């Protein structure tokens, strides 16, 4: 594997190439996250430059990137039966190959962070900086904790049944999470944005 694809690790594209292959086809698979981080690191200065020159355009492109990533995940989850739950056999394998390490799906938390930094910079440099009252701070703290707990435990019910092996389609047997297509689409699409909050 590393004889053919060693250069993908050096170029930080090993999470993209070889295209459409299982993880075992990559050279040193566990470095996919380093590739994601480096790709986002290369992307950040472009967005920062745009923000400094054209702040509205940077905000728009940031939100467009988040929306595009979420729409792509929803489309793929619906049309290719992706499932992020490891109990779901072949659906999980397809998700792992096509979506799990792909930077266009992994970038959502990074874009949320950049959007928050832009927003914070705008507010802190305005004549009326954003100061929250004690009541507002408590509200946002409790709201954040509720969202965090909801995201953390939203996948719990997907692990109550017998797991499928990786070659089994959960539609054909009585294994897997038992989640319908729309529940999987919602979970796959909203997990990263809500985790980012």
N, C-alpha and C. Protein backbone atom coordinates (compact mmCIF):
# COMPACT_ATOMS: atom_id res chain seq x y z
N UNK A 1 0.82 -1.19 0.00
CA UNK A 1 0.00 0.00 0.00
C UNK A 1 0.86 1.25 0.00
N UNK A 2 1.84 1.29 0.88
CA UNK A 2 2.68 2.49 0.95
C UNK A 2 3.63 2.59 -0.23
N UNK A 3 3.87 1.48 -0.95
CA UNK A 3 4.71 1.56 -2.14
C UNK A 3 4.05 2.42 -3.21
N UNK A 4 2.72 2.34 -3.30
CA UNK A 4 2.01 3.09 -4.34
C UNK A 4 1.50 4.45 -3.88
N UNK A 5 1.16 4.57 -2.61
CA UNK A 5 0.48 5.79 -2.17
C UNK A 5 1.23 6.56 -1.08
N UNK A 6 2.52 6.38 -0.95
CA UNK A 6 3.29 7.09 0.07
C UNK A 6 3.21 8.60 -0.11
N UNK A 7 3.17 9.04 -1.35
CA UNK A 7 3.18 10.46 -1.67
C UNK A 7 1.90 11.16 -1.20
N UNK A 8 0.79 10.42 -1.04
CA UNK A 8 -0.44 11.06 -0.57
C UNK A 8 -0.29 11.53 0.87
N UNK A 9 0.48 10.80 1.67
CA UNK A 9 0.73 11.24 3.05
C UNK A 9 1.63 12.47 3.07
N UNK A 10 2.60 12.50 2.20
CA UNK A 10 3.51 13.65 2.15
C UNK A 10 2.80 14.92 1.66
N UNK A 11 1.82 14.75 0.79
CA UNK A 11 1.07 15.89 0.24
C UNK A 11 -0.19 16.21 1.06
N UNK A 12 -0.42 15.46 2.11
CA UNK A 12 -1.60 15.63 2.97
C UNK A 12 -2.91 15.51 2.19
N UNK A 13 -2.97 14.56 1.29
CA UNK A 13 -4.22 14.26 0.57
C UNK A 13 -4.62 12.80 0.75
N UNK A 14 -4.03 12.14 1.76
CA UNK A 14 -4.32 10.72 1.97
C UNK A 14 -5.74 10.46 2.45
N UNK A 15 -6.47 11.49 2.86
CA UNK A 15 -7.88 11.31 3.20
C UNK A 15 -8.78 11.41 1.96
N UNK A 16 -8.20 11.78 0.83
CA UNK A 16 -8.96 11.88 -0.42
C UNK A 16 -8.53 10.78 -1.40
N UNK A 17 -7.25 10.54 -1.51
CA UNK A 17 -6.72 9.55 -2.44
C UNK A 17 -6.13 8.36 -1.68
N UNK A 18 -6.28 7.17 -2.12
CA UNK A 18 -6.96 6.71 -3.33
C UNK A 18 -8.48 6.84 -3.20
N UNK A 19 -9.10 7.34 -4.23
CA UNK A 19 -10.51 7.67 -4.25
C UNK A 19 -11.39 6.42 -4.18
N UNK A 20 -12.38 6.45 -3.30
CA UNK A 20 -13.38 5.39 -3.23
C UNK A 20 -12.88 4.05 -2.75
N UNK A 21 -11.75 4.01 -2.08
CA UNK A 21 -11.19 2.75 -1.59
C UNK A 21 -11.44 2.62 -0.10
N UNK A 22 -11.39 1.38 0.38
CA UNK A 22 -11.50 1.16 1.81
C UNK A 22 -10.27 1.71 2.52
N UNK A 23 -10.42 1.90 3.82
CA UNK A 23 -9.33 2.47 4.61
C UNK A 23 -8.06 1.64 4.48
N UNK A 24 -8.21 0.35 4.33
CA UNK A 24 -7.04 -0.53 4.27
C UNK A 24 -6.20 -0.30 3.02
N UNK A 25 -6.73 0.42 2.03
CA UNK A 25 -5.98 0.71 0.80
C UNK A 25 -5.03 1.89 0.97
N UNK A 26 -5.23 2.66 2.04
CA UNK A 26 -4.40 3.85 2.26
C UNK A 26 -3.08 3.47 2.93
N UNK A 27 -2.11 4.33 2.72
CA UNK A 27 -0.84 4.18 3.41
C UNK A 27 -0.96 4.82 4.78
N UNK A 28 -0.88 4.03 5.81
CA UNK A 28 -0.97 4.48 7.20
C UNK A 28 -2.24 5.29 7.44
N UNK A 29 -3.33 4.57 7.49
CA UNK A 29 -4.69 5.14 7.54
C UNK A 29 -4.89 6.16 8.65
N UNK A 30 -4.32 5.94 9.82
CA UNK A 30 -4.61 6.80 10.97
C UNK A 30 -4.18 8.25 10.77
N UNK A 31 -3.44 8.54 9.72
CA UNK A 31 -3.02 9.92 9.47
C UNK A 31 -4.05 10.73 8.68
N UNK A 32 -5.23 10.17 8.44
CA UNK A 32 -6.26 10.91 7.71
C UNK A 32 -6.60 12.22 8.44
N UNK A 33 -6.56 12.20 9.76
CA UNK A 33 -6.92 13.40 10.53
C UNK A 33 -5.86 14.50 10.37
N UNK A 34 -4.59 14.10 10.28
CA UNK A 34 -3.54 15.09 10.02
C UNK A 34 -3.76 15.77 8.67
N UNK A 35 -4.19 14.98 7.68
CA UNK A 35 -4.46 15.55 6.36
C UNK A 35 -5.61 16.55 6.45
N UNK A 36 -6.69 16.19 7.16
CA UNK A 36 -7.79 17.13 7.34
C UNK A 36 -7.32 18.42 7.99
N UNK A 37 -6.60 18.30 9.09
CA UNK A 37 -6.13 19.49 9.79
C UNK A 37 -5.26 20.37 8.89
N UNK A 38 -4.38 19.76 8.13
CA UNK A 38 -3.49 20.53 7.27
C UNK A 38 -4.27 21.20 6.13
N UNK A 39 -5.24 20.50 5.56
CA UNK A 39 -6.06 21.10 4.50
C UNK A 39 -6.82 22.31 5.03
N UNK A 40 -7.36 22.19 6.24
CA UNK A 40 -8.09 23.32 6.82
C UNK A 40 -7.13 24.45 7.17
N UNK A 41 -5.93 24.10 7.58
CA UNK A 41 -4.91 25.10 7.91
C UNK A 41 -4.52 25.89 6.65
N UNK A 42 -4.44 25.20 5.51
CA UNK A 42 -4.14 25.89 4.26
C UNK A 42 -5.31 26.75 3.79
N UNK A 43 -6.50 26.31 4.10
CA UNK A 43 -7.71 27.02 3.67
C UNK A 43 -7.96 28.29 4.50
N UNK A 44 -7.62 28.26 5.78
CA UNK A 44 -7.94 29.35 6.70
C UNK A 44 -7.40 30.71 6.25
N UNK A 45 -6.14 30.83 5.82
CA UNK A 45 -5.65 32.16 5.41
C UNK A 45 -6.44 32.77 4.25
N UNK A 46 -6.96 31.94 3.38
CA UNK A 46 -7.76 32.46 2.27
C UNK A 46 -9.01 33.14 2.81
N UNK A 47 -9.69 32.45 3.74
CA UNK A 47 -10.90 33.02 4.33
C UNK A 47 -10.57 34.25 5.19
N UNK A 48 -9.47 34.22 5.89
CA UNK A 48 -9.07 35.39 6.70
C UNK A 48 -8.75 36.59 5.79
N UNK A 49 -8.06 36.34 4.69
CA UNK A 49 -7.77 37.42 3.74
C UNK A 49 -9.07 38.01 3.20
N UNK A 50 -10.00 37.13 2.81
CA UNK A 50 -11.29 37.62 2.32
C UNK A 50 -12.02 38.42 3.40
N UNK A 51 -11.93 37.95 4.63
CA UNK A 51 -12.60 38.65 5.73
C UNK A 51 -12.01 40.05 5.92
N UNK A 52 -10.70 40.17 5.82
CA UNK A 52 -10.06 41.48 5.99
C UNK A 52 -10.42 42.45 4.86
N UNK A 53 -10.58 41.92 3.65
CA UNK A 53 -10.87 42.78 2.50
C UNK A 53 -12.37 42.95 2.24
N UNK A 54 -13.11 41.84 2.34
CA UNK A 54 -14.55 41.82 2.03
C UNK A 54 -15.26 40.99 3.09
N UNK A 55 -15.54 41.59 4.23
CA UNK A 55 -16.07 40.82 5.35
C UNK A 55 -17.42 40.16 5.03
N UNK A 56 -18.28 40.85 4.30
CA UNK A 56 -19.59 40.26 3.98
C UNK A 56 -19.42 39.02 3.10
N UNK A 57 -18.51 39.09 2.15
CA UNK A 57 -18.26 37.94 1.29
C UNK A 57 -17.71 36.76 2.10
N UNK A 58 -16.82 37.04 3.04
CA UNK A 58 -16.25 35.97 3.88
C UNK A 58 -17.34 35.32 4.73
N UNK A 59 -18.21 36.13 5.32
CA UNK A 59 -19.33 35.58 6.10
C UNK A 59 -20.21 34.71 5.21
N UNK A 60 -20.53 35.22 4.02
CA UNK A 60 -21.38 34.48 3.09
C UNK A 60 -20.75 33.16 2.68
N UNK A 61 -19.47 33.18 2.31
CA UNK A 61 -18.79 31.95 1.89
C UNK A 61 -18.69 30.95 3.05
N UNK A 62 -18.50 31.45 4.24
CA UNK A 62 -18.44 30.59 5.41
C UNK A 62 -19.77 29.87 5.62
N UNK A 63 -20.86 30.63 5.61
CA UNK A 63 -22.19 30.03 5.79
C UNK A 63 -22.51 29.11 4.61
N UNK A 64 -22.12 29.51 3.42
CA UNK A 64 -22.34 28.67 2.24
C UNK A 64 -21.58 27.35 2.36
N UNK A 65 -20.36 27.39 2.90
CA UNK A 65 -19.60 26.16 3.10
C UNK A 65 -20.26 25.23 4.11
N UNK A 66 -20.77 25.79 5.20
CA UNK A 66 -21.47 24.98 6.19
C UNK A 66 -22.73 24.37 5.59
N UNK A 67 -23.51 25.20 4.91
CA UNK A 67 -24.75 24.71 4.30
C UNK A 67 -24.47 23.68 3.22
N UNK A 68 -23.45 23.93 2.39
CA UNK A 68 -23.11 22.97 1.33
C UNK A 68 -22.67 21.64 1.88
N UNK A 69 -21.87 21.67 2.93
CA UNK A 69 -21.42 20.43 3.55
C UNK A 69 -22.59 19.65 4.14
N UNK A 70 -23.48 20.36 4.82
CA UNK A 70 -24.65 19.70 5.41
C UNK A 70 -25.58 19.14 4.33
N UNK A 71 -25.78 19.89 3.27
CA UNK A 71 -26.63 19.40 2.17
C UNK A 71 -26.00 18.19 1.49
N UNK A 72 -24.69 18.22 1.31
CA UNK A 72 -24.00 17.07 0.72
C UNK A 72 -24.12 15.83 1.59
N UNK A 73 -24.01 16.01 2.91
CA UNK A 73 -24.16 14.88 3.82
C UNK A 73 -25.59 14.35 3.78
N UNK A 74 -26.57 15.24 3.75
CA UNK A 74 -27.97 14.81 3.67
C UNK A 74 -28.22 14.04 2.37
N UNK A 75 -27.72 14.56 1.27
CA UNK A 75 -27.89 13.89 -0.03
C UNK A 75 -27.25 12.50 -0.02
N UNK A 76 -26.00 12.44 0.43
CA UNK A 76 -25.31 11.15 0.46
C UNK A 76 -25.96 10.16 1.41
N UNK A 77 -26.41 10.64 2.56
CA UNK A 77 -27.06 9.76 3.53
C UNK A 77 -28.35 9.19 2.98
N UNK A 78 -29.08 10.00 2.23
CA UNK A 78 -30.35 9.54 1.67
C UNK A 78 -30.15 8.62 0.47
N UNK A 79 -29.30 9.02 -0.46
CA UNK A 79 -29.17 8.28 -1.71
C UNK A 79 -28.24 7.07 -1.63
N UNK A 80 -27.31 7.06 -0.68
CA UNK A 80 -26.35 5.96 -0.59
C UNK A 80 -26.49 5.17 0.71
N UNK A 81 -27.55 5.45 1.47
CA UNK A 81 -27.82 4.73 2.73
C UNK A 81 -26.65 4.79 3.70
N UNK A 82 -26.03 5.95 3.86
CA UNK A 82 -24.94 6.07 4.81
C UNK A 82 -25.48 6.04 6.24
N UNK A 83 -24.72 5.46 7.11
CA UNK A 83 -25.05 5.48 8.53
C UNK A 83 -23.76 5.65 9.32
N UNK A 84 -23.77 6.60 10.25
CA UNK A 84 -22.60 6.83 11.10
C UNK A 84 -22.55 5.84 12.26
N UNK A 85 -23.57 5.05 12.43
CA UNK A 85 -23.62 4.10 13.55
C UNK A 85 -22.93 2.80 13.15
N UNK A 86 -22.00 2.36 13.96
CA UNK A 86 -21.20 1.18 13.62
C UNK A 86 -22.00 -0.11 13.62
N UNK A 87 -23.20 -0.12 14.19
CA UNK A 87 -24.04 -1.33 14.19
C UNK A 87 -24.68 -1.59 12.83
N UNK A 88 -24.63 -0.64 11.93
CA UNK A 88 -25.41 -0.72 10.70
C UNK A 88 -24.70 -1.39 9.51
N UNK A 89 -23.76 -2.24 9.75
CA UNK A 89 -23.17 -3.10 8.72
C UNK A 89 -22.67 -2.37 7.50
N UNK A 90 -23.21 -2.77 6.33
CA UNK A 90 -22.73 -2.22 5.07
C UNK A 90 -22.99 -0.73 4.94
N UNK A 91 -24.03 -0.22 5.59
CA UNK A 91 -24.27 1.22 5.56
C UNK A 91 -23.13 1.97 6.24
N UNK A 92 -22.63 1.41 7.34
CA UNK A 92 -21.51 2.03 8.06
C UNK A 92 -20.23 1.98 7.24
N UNK A 93 -20.03 0.87 6.54
CA UNK A 93 -18.83 0.74 5.71
C UNK A 93 -18.87 1.77 4.58
N UNK A 94 -20.02 1.92 3.93
CA UNK A 94 -20.15 2.91 2.86
C UNK A 94 -19.92 4.32 3.38
N UNK A 95 -20.46 4.62 4.56
CA UNK A 95 -20.25 5.93 5.18
C UNK A 95 -18.77 6.15 5.47
N UNK A 96 -18.13 5.13 5.98
CA UNK A 96 -16.71 5.24 6.32
C UNK A 96 -15.86 5.49 5.08
N UNK A 97 -16.16 4.82 4.00
CA UNK A 97 -15.38 4.98 2.76
C UNK A 97 -15.65 6.33 2.10
N UNK A 98 -16.91 6.70 2.01
CA UNK A 98 -17.30 7.88 1.22
C UNK A 98 -17.32 9.20 2.00
N UNK A 99 -17.58 9.15 3.31
CA UNK A 99 -17.86 10.41 4.01
C UNK A 99 -17.04 10.65 5.27
N UNK A 100 -16.64 9.62 5.97
CA UNK A 100 -16.08 9.80 7.32
C UNK A 100 -14.83 10.67 7.33
N UNK A 101 -13.93 10.46 6.42
CA UNK A 101 -12.67 11.22 6.42
C UNK A 101 -12.63 12.34 5.38
N UNK A 102 -13.70 12.50 4.63
CA UNK A 102 -13.72 13.51 3.56
C UNK A 102 -13.69 14.92 4.13
N UNK A 103 -12.76 15.75 3.67
CA UNK A 103 -12.64 17.10 4.24
C UNK A 103 -13.88 17.97 4.02
N UNK A 104 -14.61 17.75 2.93
CA UNK A 104 -15.79 18.58 2.66
C UNK A 104 -16.92 18.27 3.64
N UNK A 105 -16.86 17.14 4.35
CA UNK A 105 -17.82 16.87 5.41
C UNK A 105 -17.24 17.18 6.79
N UNK A 106 -15.96 17.09 6.94
CA UNK A 106 -15.29 17.32 8.22
C UNK A 106 -15.07 18.80 8.52
N UNK A 107 -15.22 19.67 7.56
CA UNK A 107 -14.86 21.08 7.74
C UNK A 107 -15.89 21.89 8.52
N UNK A 108 -17.07 21.35 8.75
CA UNK A 108 -18.15 22.11 9.39
C UNK A 108 -17.74 22.70 10.74
N UNK A 109 -17.19 21.93 11.69
CA UNK A 109 -16.80 22.55 12.96
C UNK A 109 -15.72 23.63 12.78
N UNK A 110 -14.83 23.41 11.85
CA UNK A 110 -13.78 24.39 11.58
C UNK A 110 -14.38 25.70 11.07
N UNK A 111 -15.35 25.59 10.14
CA UNK A 111 -16.01 26.79 9.62
C UNK A 111 -16.83 27.49 10.70
N UNK A 112 -17.47 26.70 11.57
CA UNK A 112 -18.20 27.31 12.68
C UNK A 112 -17.24 28.13 13.55
N UNK A 113 -16.07 27.58 13.83
CA UNK A 113 -15.09 28.30 14.63
C UNK A 113 -14.63 29.58 13.95
N UNK A 114 -14.42 29.52 12.64
CA UNK A 114 -14.00 30.72 11.92
C UNK A 114 -15.13 31.74 11.88
N UNK A 115 -16.36 31.28 11.73
CA UNK A 115 -17.49 32.20 11.73
C UNK A 115 -17.60 32.89 13.09
N UNK A 116 -17.44 32.12 14.15
CA UNK A 116 -17.51 32.70 15.49
C UNK A 116 -16.40 33.73 15.70
N UNK A 117 -15.20 33.43 15.22
CA UNK A 117 -14.09 34.39 15.34
C UNK A 117 -14.39 35.67 14.57
N UNK A 118 -14.96 35.55 13.37
CA UNK A 118 -15.33 36.74 12.59
C UNK A 118 -16.40 37.54 13.32
N UNK A 119 -17.41 36.84 13.82
CA UNK A 119 -18.50 37.49 14.54
C UNK A 119 -17.97 38.21 15.78
N UNK A 120 -17.12 37.53 16.54
CA UNK A 120 -16.57 38.11 17.76
C UNK A 120 -15.73 39.35 17.43
N UNK A 121 -14.95 39.28 16.37
CA UNK A 121 -14.14 40.43 15.95
C UNK A 121 -15.02 41.61 15.57
N UNK A 122 -16.09 41.34 14.83
CA UNK A 122 -17.01 42.40 14.43
C UNK A 122 -17.65 43.05 15.65
N UNK A 123 -18.11 42.25 16.58
CA UNK A 123 -18.79 42.78 17.76
C UNK A 123 -17.83 43.51 18.70
N UNK A 124 -16.63 42.99 18.85
CA UNK A 124 -15.70 43.63 19.78
C UNK A 124 -15.15 44.94 19.23
N UNK A 125 -15.18 45.13 17.91
CA UNK A 125 -14.70 46.37 17.31
C UNK A 125 -15.82 47.37 17.04
N UNK A 126 -17.05 47.01 17.36
CA UNK A 126 -18.17 47.92 17.11
C UNK A 126 -18.29 48.91 18.27
N UNK A 127 -18.99 50.04 18.04
CA UNK A 127 -19.15 51.01 19.12
C UNK A 127 -19.95 50.46 20.30
N UNK A 128 -20.81 49.49 20.05
CA UNK A 128 -21.59 48.85 21.11
C UNK A 128 -21.19 47.39 21.21
N UNK A 129 -20.08 47.09 21.88
CA UNK A 129 -19.66 45.69 21.96
C UNK A 129 -20.70 44.85 22.70
N UNK A 130 -20.66 43.58 22.39
CA UNK A 130 -21.67 42.67 22.93
C UNK A 130 -21.32 42.30 24.37
N UNK A 131 -22.08 42.83 25.30
CA UNK A 131 -21.96 42.44 26.70
C UNK A 131 -23.26 41.78 27.10
N UNK A 132 -23.16 40.60 27.63
CA UNK A 132 -24.35 39.86 28.01
C UNK A 132 -24.65 40.09 29.48
N UNK A 133 -25.92 40.19 29.78
CA UNK A 133 -26.32 40.30 31.17
C UNK A 133 -26.14 38.94 31.84
N UNK A 134 -26.21 38.94 33.15
CA UNK A 134 -26.09 37.69 33.89
C UNK A 134 -27.17 36.70 33.49
N UNK A 135 -28.37 37.20 33.29
CA UNK A 135 -29.48 36.33 32.88
C UNK A 135 -29.21 35.73 31.50
N UNK A 136 -28.71 36.55 30.57
CA UNK A 136 -28.41 36.04 29.22
C UNK A 136 -27.30 35.01 29.25
N UNK A 137 -26.27 35.26 30.06
CA UNK A 137 -25.17 34.30 30.16
C UNK A 137 -25.67 32.96 30.70
N UNK A 138 -26.52 33.02 31.72
CA UNK A 138 -27.07 31.77 32.28
C UNK A 138 -27.93 31.05 31.26
N UNK A 139 -28.73 31.80 30.51
CA UNK A 139 -29.56 31.18 29.48
C UNK A 139 -28.69 30.46 28.46
N UNK A 140 -27.67 31.13 27.95
CA UNK A 140 -26.81 30.51 26.94
C UNK A 140 -26.03 29.33 27.52
N UNK A 141 -25.64 29.41 28.78
CA UNK A 141 -24.96 28.28 29.41
C UNK A 141 -25.87 27.07 29.49
N UNK A 142 -27.10 27.25 29.96
CA UNK A 142 -28.04 26.13 30.07
C UNK A 142 -28.45 25.61 28.69
N UNK A 143 -28.66 26.53 27.76
CA UNK A 143 -28.99 26.11 26.39
C UNK A 143 -27.86 25.28 25.80
N UNK A 144 -26.63 25.72 26.00
CA UNK A 144 -25.47 24.98 25.50
C UNK A 144 -25.37 23.60 26.12
N UNK A 145 -25.64 23.50 27.42
CA UNK A 145 -25.58 22.19 28.08
C UNK A 145 -26.66 21.25 27.57
N UNK A 146 -27.85 21.78 27.34
CA UNK A 146 -28.94 20.94 26.81
C UNK A 146 -28.60 20.45 25.41
N UNK A 147 -28.08 21.34 24.56
CA UNK A 147 -27.68 20.94 23.21
C UNK A 147 -26.57 19.90 23.27
N UNK A 148 -25.59 20.11 24.13
CA UNK A 148 -24.49 19.17 24.28
C UNK A 148 -24.99 17.79 24.70
N UNK A 149 -25.85 17.74 25.69
CA UNK A 149 -26.39 16.45 26.14
C UNK A 149 -27.24 15.80 25.07
N UNK A 150 -28.04 16.59 24.37
CA UNK A 150 -28.87 16.03 23.30
C UNK A 150 -28.01 15.42 22.20
N UNK A 151 -26.95 16.11 21.82
CA UNK A 151 -26.05 15.58 20.78
C UNK A 151 -25.32 14.35 21.30
N UNK A 152 -24.85 14.42 22.54
CA UNK A 152 -24.08 13.31 23.10
C UNK A 152 -24.90 12.03 23.19
N UNK A 153 -26.16 12.15 23.53
CA UNK A 153 -26.98 10.95 23.73
C UNK A 153 -27.93 10.64 22.57
N UNK A 154 -27.89 11.42 21.50
CA UNK A 154 -28.82 11.19 20.39
C UNK A 154 -28.57 9.86 19.70
N UNK A 155 -27.36 9.37 19.72
CA UNK A 155 -27.06 8.10 19.07
C UNK A 155 -27.29 6.89 19.96
N UNK A 156 -27.63 7.10 21.21
CA UNK A 156 -27.78 6.00 22.17
C UNK A 156 -28.76 4.94 21.69
N UNK A 157 -29.90 5.36 21.17
CA UNK A 157 -30.94 4.40 20.79
C UNK A 157 -30.57 3.61 19.54
N UNK A 158 -29.55 4.03 18.84
CA UNK A 158 -29.09 3.27 17.69
C UNK A 158 -28.28 2.05 18.07
N UNK A 159 -27.94 1.91 19.34
CA UNK A 159 -27.10 0.81 19.80
C UNK A 159 -27.84 -0.15 20.72
N UNK A 160 -29.15 -0.28 20.55
CA UNK A 160 -29.94 -1.14 21.42
C UNK A 160 -30.20 -2.52 20.81
N UNK A 161 -29.89 -2.70 19.55
CA UNK A 161 -30.16 -3.97 18.88
C UNK A 161 -28.85 -4.71 18.59
N UNK A 162 -28.97 -5.85 17.95
CA UNK A 162 -27.81 -6.67 17.60
C UNK A 162 -27.07 -6.01 16.44
N UNK A 163 -25.74 -5.92 16.52
CA UNK A 163 -24.99 -5.30 15.41
C UNK A 163 -24.95 -6.21 14.19
N UNK A 164 -24.88 -5.59 13.03
CA UNK A 164 -24.71 -6.33 11.77
C UNK A 164 -23.21 -6.50 11.52
N UNK A 165 -22.85 -7.55 10.78
CA UNK A 165 -21.46 -7.61 10.35
C UNK A 165 -21.29 -6.65 9.17
N UNK A 166 -20.07 -6.38 8.79
CA UNK A 166 -19.82 -5.31 7.82
C UNK A 166 -20.35 -5.61 6.41
N UNK A 167 -20.70 -6.85 6.14
CA UNK A 167 -21.19 -7.20 4.81
C UNK A 167 -22.71 -7.28 4.75
N UNK A 168 -23.38 -7.07 5.86
CA UNK A 168 -24.82 -7.24 5.94
C UNK A 168 -25.55 -5.92 5.74
N UNK A 169 -26.58 -5.94 4.92
CA UNK A 169 -27.45 -4.80 4.73
C UNK A 169 -28.55 -4.87 5.79
N UNK A 170 -28.66 -3.87 6.68
CA UNK A 170 -29.66 -3.93 7.74
C UNK A 170 -31.10 -4.00 7.25
N UNK A 171 -31.38 -3.60 6.01
CA UNK A 171 -32.73 -3.72 5.47
C UNK A 171 -33.13 -5.17 5.26
N UNK A 172 -32.14 -6.04 5.06
CA UNK A 172 -32.42 -7.45 4.74
C UNK A 172 -32.44 -8.35 5.95
N UNK A 173 -32.05 -7.86 7.12
CA UNK A 173 -32.01 -8.68 8.32
C UNK A 173 -32.58 -7.89 9.50
N UNK A 174 -32.60 -8.53 10.65
CA UNK A 174 -33.10 -7.87 11.87
C UNK A 174 -31.93 -7.44 12.75
N UNK A 175 -30.98 -6.77 12.15
CA UNK A 175 -29.84 -6.27 12.92
C UNK A 175 -29.65 -4.79 12.61
N UNK A 176 -28.71 -4.19 13.28
CA UNK A 176 -28.43 -2.78 13.06
C UNK A 176 -29.20 -1.90 14.01
N UNK A 177 -29.18 -0.62 13.73
CA UNK A 177 -29.79 0.36 14.63
C UNK A 177 -31.31 0.34 14.58
N UNK A 178 -31.87 -0.05 13.45
CA UNK A 178 -33.31 0.01 13.28
C UNK A 178 -33.81 1.40 12.93
N UNK A 179 -32.88 2.31 12.70
CA UNK A 179 -33.26 3.68 12.35
C UNK A 179 -33.72 3.75 10.91
N UNK A 180 -34.77 4.48 10.66
CA UNK A 180 -35.24 4.72 9.31
C UNK A 180 -34.33 5.70 8.58
N UNK A 181 -34.58 5.84 7.30
CA UNK A 181 -33.72 6.67 6.46
C UNK A 181 -33.70 8.13 6.93
N UNK A 182 -34.85 8.68 7.31
CA UNK A 182 -34.88 10.08 7.69
C UNK A 182 -34.20 10.33 9.02
N UNK A 183 -34.24 9.36 9.92
CA UNK A 183 -33.54 9.52 11.18
C UNK A 183 -32.03 9.50 10.95
N UNK A 184 -31.57 8.59 10.06
CA UNK A 184 -30.14 8.54 9.74
C UNK A 184 -29.69 9.80 9.01
N UNK A 185 -30.51 10.29 8.08
CA UNK A 185 -30.16 11.53 7.36
C UNK A 185 -30.03 12.68 8.34
N UNK A 186 -30.98 12.81 9.25
CA UNK A 186 -30.95 13.89 10.24
C UNK A 186 -29.74 13.76 11.15
N UNK A 187 -29.49 12.55 11.64
CA UNK A 187 -28.35 12.34 12.54
C UNK A 187 -27.03 12.64 11.83
N UNK A 188 -26.84 12.08 10.65
CA UNK A 188 -25.59 12.30 9.92
C UNK A 188 -25.39 13.78 9.56
N UNK A 189 -26.46 14.45 9.19
CA UNK A 189 -26.37 15.83 8.73
C UNK A 189 -26.13 16.81 9.86
N UNK A 190 -26.79 16.61 10.99
CA UNK A 190 -26.77 17.61 12.06
C UNK A 190 -25.78 17.32 13.18
N UNK A 191 -25.17 16.16 13.20
CA UNK A 191 -24.25 15.83 14.30
C UNK A 191 -23.09 16.81 14.37
N UNK A 192 -22.42 17.06 13.28
CA UNK A 192 -21.24 17.95 13.31
C UNK A 192 -21.62 19.42 13.58
N UNK A 193 -22.67 19.95 12.91
CA UNK A 193 -23.02 21.34 13.25
C UNK A 193 -23.41 21.51 14.72
N UNK A 194 -24.21 20.60 15.26
CA UNK A 194 -24.63 20.73 16.65
C UNK A 194 -23.46 20.47 17.60
N UNK A 195 -22.57 19.57 17.24
CA UNK A 195 -21.38 19.35 18.06
C UNK A 195 -20.55 20.63 18.10
N UNK A 196 -20.53 21.36 17.01
CA UNK A 196 -19.74 22.59 16.93
C UNK A 196 -20.27 23.68 17.85
N UNK A 197 -21.58 23.68 18.05
CA UNK A 197 -22.16 24.72 18.90
C UNK A 197 -21.68 24.57 20.31
